[in-house]
Amino acid sequence: MEDKNIVATIYLKDGKAVAGFEDMTVTYENVIELAKLYNDSGIDKIIIFDLSADDEEHDRNINTIKNINRNIELKTCAGGNINRMEDIKKFFYAGCLQVIVNGSKPNSIELAEEASKRFGKDRILVSVDNVDFIFKNQSKMNEYFHELLVLNKNVMDAIESMTTVPYVVCMDSYDYEKILSVLQRKQVRGIYGKFINEPTTDVMKMKSKLSAAGIKMDNFEAALKWNDLKKNSDGLVPVVVQDYRTDEVLMLAYMNEEAFHTTINLGKMTYWSRSRNELWVKGMTSGHYQYVKSLTADCDFDTILAKVSQIGVACHTGSKTCFFNEIVKKEYMEKNPQKVLEDVYSIIVDRREHPKEGSYTNYLFDKGIDKILKKCGEECTEIVIAAKNPNPEEIKYEISDFLYHMMVLMVEKGVTWEEVMQELSQR
């Protein structure tokens, strides 16, 4: 049995989130931050509707969608303003894993057929608010579509009588009993609705409640019990907290049994405050929540390593991390590949912003893009030549040269390593 999904929807107008199809009131200026919140808060998938009125706005929204996908790990699905195969390609190239065609448009079935044959039917959805499209295309539904997006929950019975394609259905408001009843339907794969889009909605709490009622949800299930852990003399377990993207150590805190279970149920790091002698959901007062990505016990089962998405800063002093008071430090040559690339990139950025006389990097920037491209091309050729040489040292040298010149190009074009890694992670 597949997990049931809680789906957030973003209605995109001029690169900003608006209230809905008919209501163009801007709800969130910074749609990237909204997507990041959904990414951390327990949402299973984001559906993005492009509400653009022309090709120029359509391209702006595509660029926004691309930036959303560069900043989150969640699966995204997009639809809107799809009139030709090129529009479907644009959504895929922007990083979306699935695309929704509009069942009310006359050419939707032809587009779906072409797209499913080219990209696979598991990447194609169709939105419907009545059963006309399904009735006319019953024989093709399972062949071309992975899922339906049902805009009107009143047609669920009719849909299930015509097709076995699973669907995600819109719920008007948070009514737990109705949501439970809908998710108990075998063909329902998930729900979406405006109440889910609200940042104040505690999605993890809702999923925990549904899971307890027998609905299979994608939420945390602890592989270890509290009793499996060894406690200190105060009955607590220390927790080392790391940023899940950078592995930077953020803080050290402690859990008791209640904090342990609350963390797993809410998906937010919760500790036992020894100074206040009370349960402490990190960020409850400051807004600097820590969303759980993973919890791991050490070899002795007496310490927990938590990897989290940190909102804001971790330290009460306003510092990103609690560990900033240097005691001793020995200079050493950095060998971590990611750190080396980031450090060299930072030096190149600094050279551009603060030119240094005699700097080869500044020479390249002064000569401009054509010179930088010429050098990148030359270094590519040098790699090819070195690869034919049996001495491996030569190719290491040439690859290093190429990477340096490529980073100069990246800085010139405003591309960061983080953006490149996000793009690679989507391949």
Protein backbone atom coordinates (compact mmCIF):
# COMPACT_ATOMS: atom_id res chain seq x y z
CA MET A 1 0.00 0.00 0.00
CA GLU A 2 1.35 3.41 -0.99
CA ASP A 3 1.62 6.29 1.46
CA LYS A 4 -1.17 8.85 1.35
CA ASN A 5 0.02 12.34 0.50
CA ILE A 6 -0.61 15.74 2.04
CA VAL A 7 -0.13 18.13 -0.88
CA ALA A 8 0.52 21.88 -0.79
CA THR A 9 -0.47 24.09 -3.72
CA ILE A 10 1.21 27.28 -4.90
CA TYR A 11 -0.71 29.52 -7.28
CA LEU A 12 1.94 31.51 -9.12
CA LYS A 13 1.26 34.95 -10.59
CA ASP A 14 4.18 37.16 -11.68
CA GLY A 15 6.53 35.02 -9.60
CA LYS A 16 4.51 35.51 -6.40
CA ALA A 17 2.09 33.25 -4.54
CA VAL A 18 -1.55 34.32 -4.84
CA ALA A 19 -4.71 33.04 -3.14
CA GLY A 20 -6.10 30.89 -5.97
CA PHE A 21 -7.33 30.51 -9.54
CA GLU A 22 -9.82 33.37 -9.27
CA ASP A 23 -8.32 35.38 -6.41
CA MET A 24 -5.09 37.14 -7.43
CA THR A 25 -4.44 38.58 -3.98
CA VAL A 26 -0.74 38.15 -3.22
CA THR A 27 -0.36 35.93 -0.16
CA TYR A 28 3.44 35.55 -0.19
CA GLU A 29 5.95 37.82 -1.89
CA ASN A 30 8.84 35.41 -1.29
CA VAL A 31 7.58 32.19 -2.82
CA ILE A 32 10.99 30.50 -2.38
CA GLU A 33 10.77 30.86 1.40
CA LEU A 34 7.20 29.51 1.29
CA ALA A 35 8.39 26.45 -0.65
CA LYS A 36 11.22 25.94 1.86
CA LEU A 37 8.67 25.97 4.68
CA TYR A 38 6.61 23.29 2.92
CA ASN A 39 9.83 21.35 2.33
CA ASP A 40 10.51 21.19 6.06
CA SER A 41 7.05 20.98 7.62
CA GLY A 42 5.89 17.52 6.53
CA ILE A 43 4.30 18.28 3.16
CA ASP A 44 4.72 15.34 0.76
CA LYS A 45 4.44 17.12 -2.58
CA ILE A 46 3.97 20.64 -3.95
CA ILE A 47 1.69 21.36 -6.89
CA ILE A 48 2.48 24.66 -8.63
CA PHE A 49 -0.11 26.31 -10.86
CA ASP A 50 1.26 28.80 -13.39
CA LEU A 51 -1.42 31.48 -13.75
CA SER A 52 0.50 33.54 -16.32
CA ALA A 53 -1.44 35.57 -18.88
CA ASP A 54 1.21 35.70 -21.61
CA ASP A 55 4.47 34.10 -22.73
CA GLU A 56 6.64 36.70 -20.99
CA GLU A 57 5.00 36.09 -17.62
CA HIS A 58 5.01 32.36 -18.32
CA ASP A 59 8.82 32.47 -18.68
CA ARG A 60 9.13 34.48 -15.45
CA ASN A 61 7.08 31.89 -13.61
CA ILE A 62 9.13 29.06 -15.13
CA ASN A 63 12.25 30.76 -13.77
CA THR A 64 10.61 31.02 -10.32
CA ILE A 65 9.73 27.32 -10.45
CA LYS A 66 13.33 26.52 -11.38
CA ASN A 67 14.52 28.48 -8.32
CA ILE A 68 12.00 26.68 -6.11
CA ASN A 69 13.32 23.31 -7.24
CA ARG A 70 16.90 24.42 -6.61
CA ASN A 71 16.08 25.19 -2.99
CA ILE A 72 13.99 22.18 -1.90
CA GLU A 73 14.10 18.38 -2.01
CA LEU A 74 10.35 17.80 -2.25
CA LYS A 75 8.73 16.44 -5.38
CA THR A 76 7.07 19.24 -7.37
CA CYS A 77 4.35 18.99 -9.98
CA ALA A 78 3.34 21.91 -12.21
CA GLY A 79 0.50 22.85 -14.51
CA GLY A 80 -1.11 25.86 -16.11
CA ASN A 81 -0.69 27.62 -19.46
CA ILE A 82 0.08 24.32 -21.20
CA ASN A 83 -0.88 24.64 -24.85
CA ARG A 84 1.85 22.67 -26.60
CA MET A 85 4.52 20.07 -25.95
CA GLU A 86 7.09 22.82 -25.49
CA ASP A 87 5.24 24.01 -22.37
CA ILE A 88 5.43 20.55 -20.83
CA LYS A 89 9.16 20.39 -21.55
CA LYS A 90 9.70 23.75 -19.85
CA PHE A 91 8.23 22.44 -16.59
CA PHE A 92 10.39 19.32 -16.71
CA TYR A 93 13.51 21.34 -17.54
CA ALA A 94 12.67 23.59 -14.55
CA GLY A 95 13.07 20.55 -12.29
CA CYS A 96 9.45 19.39 -11.86
CA LEU A 97 9.06 15.62 -11.66
CA GLN A 98 5.47 15.67 -12.90
CA VAL A 99 3.26 17.88 -15.10
CA ILE A 100 -0.51 18.40 -14.99
CA VAL A 101 -2.51 18.86 -18.18
CA ASN A 102 -5.90 20.57 -17.96
CA GLY A 103 -8.74 18.14 -18.70
CA SER A 104 -11.04 20.98 -19.74
CA LYS A 105 -8.85 21.92 -22.72
CA PRO A 106 -9.69 20.23 -26.04
CA ASN A 107 -6.13 19.07 -26.89
CA SER A 108 -5.26 17.64 -23.47
CA ILE A 109 -5.55 13.98 -24.39
CA GLU A 110 -3.30 14.43 -27.44
CA LEU A 111 -0.71 16.28 -25.35
CA ALA A 112 -0.91 13.63 -22.62
CA GLU A 113 -0.40 10.84 -25.15
CA GLU A 114 2.68 12.49 -26.64
CA ALA A 115 4.12 13.41 -23.24
CA SER A 116 3.54 10.00 -21.66
CA LYS A 117 5.20 8.26 -24.57
CA ARG A 118 8.19 10.58 -24.40
CA PHE A 119 8.65 11.04 -20.65
CA GLY A 120 6.66 8.10 -19.17
CA LYS A 121 3.09 8.09 -17.89
CA ASP A 122 4.31 8.24 -14.28
CA ARG A 123 5.16 11.89 -14.95
CA ILE A 124 1.79 12.94 -16.38
CA LEU A 125 -1.31 14.00 -14.40
CA VAL A 126 -4.62 15.52 -15.47
CA SER A 127 -6.82 17.96 -13.55
CA VAL A 128 -10.62 17.52 -13.70
CA ASP A 129 -13.57 19.24 -12.02
CA ASN A 130 -16.21 16.96 -13.56
CA VAL A 131 -16.30 13.55 -15.23
CA ASP A 132 -16.60 14.66 -18.89
CA PHE A 133 -12.93 14.19 -19.71
CA ILE A 134 -12.78 10.80 -18.00
CA PHE A 135 -16.00 9.61 -19.66
CA LYS A 136 -14.72 10.52 -23.13
CA ASN A 137 -11.30 8.94 -22.57
CA GLN A 138 -11.97 5.95 -20.30
CA SER A 139 -9.94 3.55 -22.44
CA LYS A 140 -6.89 5.83 -22.36
CA MET A 141 -6.80 6.89 -18.70
CA ASN A 142 -4.60 4.08 -17.37
CA GLU A 143 -2.39 4.22 -20.44
CA TYR A 144 -1.52 7.92 -20.27
CA PHE A 145 -1.99 9.11 -16.67
CA HIS A 146 -0.29 8.39 -13.38
CA GLU A 147 -2.75 10.34 -11.27
CA LEU A 148 -5.78 12.63 -11.36
CA LEU A 149 -6.07 15.98 -9.63
CA VAL A 150 -9.71 16.26 -8.66
CA LEU A 151 -10.84 19.86 -8.13
CA ASN A 152 -14.33 18.91 -6.93
CA LYS A 153 -14.71 16.27 -4.21
CA ASN A 154 -18.38 15.78 -5.10
CA VAL A 155 -17.46 13.76 -8.20
CA MET A 156 -15.37 11.13 -6.38
CA ASP A 157 -17.98 8.38 -6.64
CA ALA A 158 -18.53 9.03 -10.35
CA ILE A 159 -14.79 9.01 -11.03
CA GLU A 160 -14.29 5.72 -9.23
CA SER A 161 -17.03 4.14 -11.30
CA MET A 162 -15.22 5.06 -14.54
CA THR A 163 -11.48 4.62 -13.88
CA THR A 164 -9.03 2.98 -11.51
CA VAL A 165 -6.45 5.77 -11.85
CA PRO A 166 -5.63 7.05 -8.33
CA TYR A 167 -6.33 10.67 -7.51
CA VAL A 168 -5.58 13.59 -5.22
CA VAL A 169 -8.70 15.49 -4.19
CA CYS A 170 -9.37 19.01 -2.95
CA MET A 171 -10.72 19.40 0.60
CA ASP A 172 -12.50 22.67 1.42
CA SER A 173 -11.40 22.94 5.03
CA TYR A 174 -9.85 21.06 7.91
CA ASP A 175 -12.53 18.61 9.00
CA TYR A 176 -10.67 15.65 10.46
CA GLU A 177 -13.51 13.14 10.16
CA LYS A 178 -14.11 14.03 6.50
CA ILE A 179 -10.41 13.91 5.72
CA LEU A 180 -10.12 10.51 7.41
CA SER A 181 -13.11 9.22 5.45
CA VAL A 182 -11.69 10.45 2.13
CA LEU A 183 -8.21 9.05 2.75
CA GLN A 184 -9.71 5.67 3.64
CA ARG A 185 -10.84 5.35 0.03
CA LYS A 186 -8.53 2.95 -1.79
CA GLN A 187 -8.26 5.10 -4.92
CA VAL A 188 -7.47 8.34 -3.09
CA ARG A 189 -3.73 9.00 -3.07
CA GLY A 190 -3.84 12.29 -1.20
CA ILE A 191 -5.55 15.56 -0.39
CA TYR A 192 -4.88 19.23 -0.98
CA GLY A 193 -6.67 22.44 -0.05
CA LYS A 194 -6.19 26.01 1.13
CA PHE A 195 -5.98 25.01 4.79
CA ILE A 196 -2.93 22.86 3.99
CA ASN A 197 -1.22 25.86 2.40
CA GLU A 198 -1.41 27.90 5.60
CA PRO A 199 2.00 27.98 7.35
CA THR A 200 0.20 27.71 10.68
CA THR A 201 -1.20 24.28 9.80
CA ASP A 202 0.68 21.62 11.76
CA VAL A 203 1.02 19.05 8.99
CA MET A 204 3.12 16.60 11.02
CA LYS A 205 0.59 16.62 13.84
CA MET A 206 -2.22 15.92 11.37
CA LYS A 207 -0.23 13.10 9.76
CA SER A 208 0.52 11.56 13.15
CA LYS A 209 -3.17 11.59 14.02
CA LEU A 210 -4.10 10.03 10.67
CA SER A 211 -1.36 7.44 11.04
CA ALA A 212 -2.71 6.47 14.47
CA ALA A 213 -6.10 5.97 12.80
CA GLY A 214 -4.62 3.46 10.37
CA ILE A 215 -3.85 5.70 7.38
CA LYS A 216 -0.42 4.94 5.92
CA MET A 217 1.44 8.26 5.95
CA ASP A 218 5.00 9.26 5.18
CA ASN A 219 5.98 10.41 8.65
CA PHE A 220 8.63 9.49 11.17
CA GLU A 221 8.64 5.99 12.62
CA ALA A 222 11.39 5.43 15.16
CA ALA A 223 13.62 2.41 14.52
CA LEU A 224 14.81 2.67 18.15
CA LYS A 225 12.70 3.07 21.25
CA TRP A 226 13.50 5.45 24.10
CA ASN A 227 14.31 2.46 26.28
CA ASP A 228 17.01 1.42 23.81
CA LEU A 229 18.99 4.57 24.65
CA LYS A 230 21.35 4.94 27.60
CA LYS A 231 20.56 7.96 29.78
CA ASN A 232 22.90 10.07 31.86
CA SER A 233 22.51 10.48 35.63
CA ASP A 234 19.65 12.95 35.08
CA GLY A 235 17.75 10.53 32.87
CA LEU A 236 18.57 12.58 29.76
CA VAL A 237 20.27 11.90 26.43
CA PRO A 238 22.55 14.57 24.88
CA VAL A 239 21.75 15.62 21.31
CA VAL A 240 24.36 17.01 18.92
CA VAL A 241 22.63 19.09 16.24
CA GLN A 242 23.98 19.57 12.71
CA ASP A 243 22.77 21.53 9.67
CA TYR A 244 21.63 18.83 7.22
CA ARG A 245 23.00 20.69 4.19
CA THR A 246 26.43 21.79 5.44
CA ASP A 247 27.05 19.39 8.38
CA GLU A 248 27.94 22.44 10.50
CA VAL A 249 27.51 21.68 14.21
CA LEU A 250 24.84 24.06 15.51
CA MET A 251 24.29 23.23 19.18
CA LEU A 252 24.15 20.67 21.96
CA ALA A 253 20.97 20.05 23.95
CA TYR A 254 19.26 17.26 25.92
CA MET A 255 16.16 15.12 25.55
CA ASN A 256 14.01 13.28 28.02
CA GLU A 257 11.43 10.70 26.96
CA GLU A 258 8.70 13.28 26.33
CA ALA A 259 11.01 15.43 24.22
CA PHE A 260 12.08 12.35 22.24
CA HIS A 261 8.51 11.36 21.35
CA THR A 262 7.41 14.97 20.71
CA THR A 263 10.31 15.44 18.29
CA ILE A 264 9.30 12.36 16.31
CA ASN A 265 5.58 13.23 16.31
CA LEU A 266 5.94 16.92 15.41
CA GLY A 267 9.02 16.70 13.19
CA LYS A 268 10.45 19.66 15.11
CA MET A 269 13.41 19.37 17.46
CA THR A 270 12.15 19.35 21.04
CA TYR A 271 14.38 19.27 24.10
CA TRP A 272 14.23 19.22 27.87
CA SER A 273 15.39 22.56 29.27
CA ARG A 274 17.51 21.82 32.32
CA SER A 275 17.58 25.47 33.42
CA ARG A 276 13.79 25.96 33.15
CA ASN A 277 12.90 22.36 34.00
CA GLU A 278 10.37 22.15 31.16
CA LEU A 279 9.78 20.83 27.65
CA TRP A 280 11.24 23.13 24.99
CA VAL A 281 10.21 23.09 21.33
CA LYS A 282 13.12 24.87 19.69
CA GLY A 283 11.86 28.04 17.98
CA MET A 284 8.45 28.15 19.64
CA THR A 285 9.06 31.72 20.82
CA SER A 286 11.78 32.89 18.40
CA GLY A 287 10.46 31.25 15.21
CA HIS A 288 13.89 29.63 14.75
CA TYR A 289 12.52 26.11 14.40
CA GLN A 290 14.68 23.09 13.70
CA TYR A 291 12.89 20.72 11.32
CA VAL A 292 14.03 17.12 11.67
CA LYS A 293 15.77 15.47 8.74
CA SER A 294 17.28 12.53 10.64
CA LEU A 295 18.02 11.23 14.14
CA THR A 296 20.87 8.74 14.65
CA ALA A 297 22.19 7.11 17.82
CA ASP A 298 25.92 6.65 18.33
CA CYS A 299 27.68 3.31 18.83
CA ASP A 300 27.04 3.32 22.60
CA PHE A 301 23.39 4.43 22.29
CA ASP A 302 24.06 7.28 24.70
CA THR A 303 24.12 10.25 22.28
CA ILE A 304 21.84 11.33 19.43
CA LEU A 305 23.04 13.07 16.27
CA ALA A 306 20.25 15.22 14.80
CA LYS A 307 20.45 16.60 11.27
CA VAL A 308 18.03 19.49 10.88
CA SER A 309 16.87 22.29 8.64
CA GLN A 310 17.58 25.33 10.78
CA ILE A 311 15.26 28.31 10.40
CA GLY A 312 17.10 31.47 11.34
CA VAL A 313 19.92 31.02 13.83
CA ALA A 314 20.56 28.25 16.33
CA CYS A 315 22.14 30.27 19.15
CA HIS A 316 20.31 32.56 21.57
CA THR A 317 23.12 35.11 21.04
CA GLY A 318 22.08 35.57 17.43
CA SER A 319 24.95 33.50 16.07
CA LYS A 320 24.23 30.84 13.48
CA THR A 321 25.91 28.24 15.66
CA CYS A 322 26.57 28.02 19.39
CA PHE A 323 30.17 27.02 18.70
CA PHE A 324 32.08 30.22 18.00
CA ASN A 325 34.39 30.76 21.01
CA GLU A 326 37.79 29.67 19.69
CA ILE A 327 40.13 28.00 22.19
CA VAL A 328 43.00 26.75 20.01
CA LYS A 329 43.42 26.45 16.28
CA LYS A 330 46.14 24.95 14.11
CA GLU A 331 46.35 25.95 10.48
CA TYR A 332 45.93 23.02 8.10
CA MET A 333 45.44 22.41 4.43
CA GLU A 334 41.76 21.78 3.65
CA LYS A 335 41.23 18.49 1.81
CA ASN A 336 37.44 18.22 1.89
CA PRO A 337 36.51 18.42 -1.84
CA GLN A 338 33.36 20.47 -1.31
CA LYS A 339 35.12 22.91 1.04
CA VAL A 340 38.08 23.29 -1.33
CA LEU A 341 35.80 24.15 -4.26
CA GLU A 342 33.82 26.60 -2.14
CA ASP A 343 36.99 28.24 -0.81
CA VAL A 344 38.51 28.69 -4.28
CA TYR A 345 35.18 30.02 -5.55
CA SER A 346 35.10 32.53 -2.67
CA ILE A 347 38.62 33.72 -3.51
CA ILE A 348 37.59 34.26 -7.14
CA VAL A 349 34.55 36.25 -6.00
CA ASP A 350 36.78 38.34 -3.74
CA ARG A 351 39.20 39.03 -6.61
CA ARG A 352 36.33 40.31 -8.72
CA GLU A 353 34.99 42.55 -5.96
CA HIS A 354 38.45 43.66 -4.72
CA PRO A 355 40.85 43.59 -7.69
CA LYS A 356 44.47 42.84 -6.91
CA GLU A 357 47.31 44.09 -9.08
CA GLY A 358 49.06 41.29 -10.98
CA SER A 359 46.21 38.81 -10.33
CA TYR A 360 45.63 36.37 -13.20
CA THR A 361 42.00 36.10 -12.09
CA ASN A 362 41.55 39.85 -12.47
CA TYR A 363 43.26 39.65 -15.86
CA LEU A 364 40.58 37.20 -17.02
CA PHE A 365 37.75 39.36 -15.67
CA ASP A 366 39.23 42.44 -17.32
CA LYS A 367 39.47 40.68 -20.70
CA GLY A 368 35.82 39.62 -20.44
CA ILE A 369 33.62 36.66 -21.27
CA ASP A 370 35.22 35.80 -24.63
CA LYS A 371 38.66 35.35 -23.04
CA ILE A 372 37.20 33.28 -20.19
CA LEU A 373 35.37 31.02 -22.67
CA LYS A 374 38.51 30.68 -24.80
CA LYS A 375 40.48 29.52 -21.75
CA CYS A 376 37.74 27.04 -20.75
CA GLY A 377 37.83 25.59 -24.26
CA GLU A 378 41.63 25.35 -24.23
CA GLU A 379 41.59 23.58 -20.85
CA CYS A 380 38.99 21.08 -22.12
CA THR A 381 41.34 20.24 -24.99
CA GLU A 382 44.25 19.86 -22.57
CA ILE A 383 42.19 17.33 -20.58
CA VAL A 384 41.56 15.29 -23.73
CA ILE A 385 45.26 15.28 -24.58
CA ALA A 386 46.27 14.41 -21.00
CA ALA A 387 43.78 11.53 -20.94
CA LYS A 388 45.77 9.85 -23.73
CA ASN A 389 48.91 10.05 -21.60
CA PRO A 390 49.51 7.03 -19.31
CA ASN A 391 50.79 9.32 -16.54
CA PRO A 392 47.76 10.07 -14.27
CA GLU A 393 49.45 13.13 -12.75
CA GLU A 394 49.03 15.09 -15.98
CA ILE A 395 45.27 14.67 -16.16
CA LYS A 396 44.92 15.67 -12.49
CA TYR A 397 46.79 18.89 -13.27
CA GLU A 398 44.69 19.66 -16.36
CA ILE A 399 41.38 18.92 -14.60
CA SER A 400 42.44 21.31 -11.82
CA ASP A 401 43.20 24.00 -14.41
CA PHE A 402 39.83 23.47 -16.03
CA LEU A 403 37.95 23.61 -12.73
CA TYR A 404 39.63 26.92 -11.87
CA HIS A 405 38.71 28.51 -15.22
CA MET A 406 35.21 27.05 -15.00
CA MET A 407 34.77 28.72 -11.60
CA VAL A 408 35.88 32.04 -13.08
CA LEU A 409 33.14 31.53 -15.68
CA MET A 410 30.64 30.65 -12.93
CA VAL A 411 31.43 33.86 -11.04
CA GLU A 412 31.24 35.87 -14.28
CA LYS A 413 27.76 34.43 -14.98
CA GLY A 414 26.56 34.54 -11.36
CA VAL A 415 26.26 30.76 -10.95
CA THR A 416 27.07 29.25 -7.52
CA TRP A 417 28.22 25.77 -6.53
CA GLU A 418 25.01 25.33 -4.57
CA GLU A 419 22.97 25.92 -7.74
CA VAL A 420 25.10 23.46 -9.69
CA MET A 421 24.76 20.80 -6.98
CA GLN A 422 21.01 21.32 -6.83
CA GLU A 423 20.84 20.83 -10.58
CA LEU A 424 22.95 17.67 -10.39
CA SER A 425 20.80 16.27 -7.58
CA GLN A 426 17.74 16.48 -9.84
CA ARG A 427 19.34 14.48 -12.67
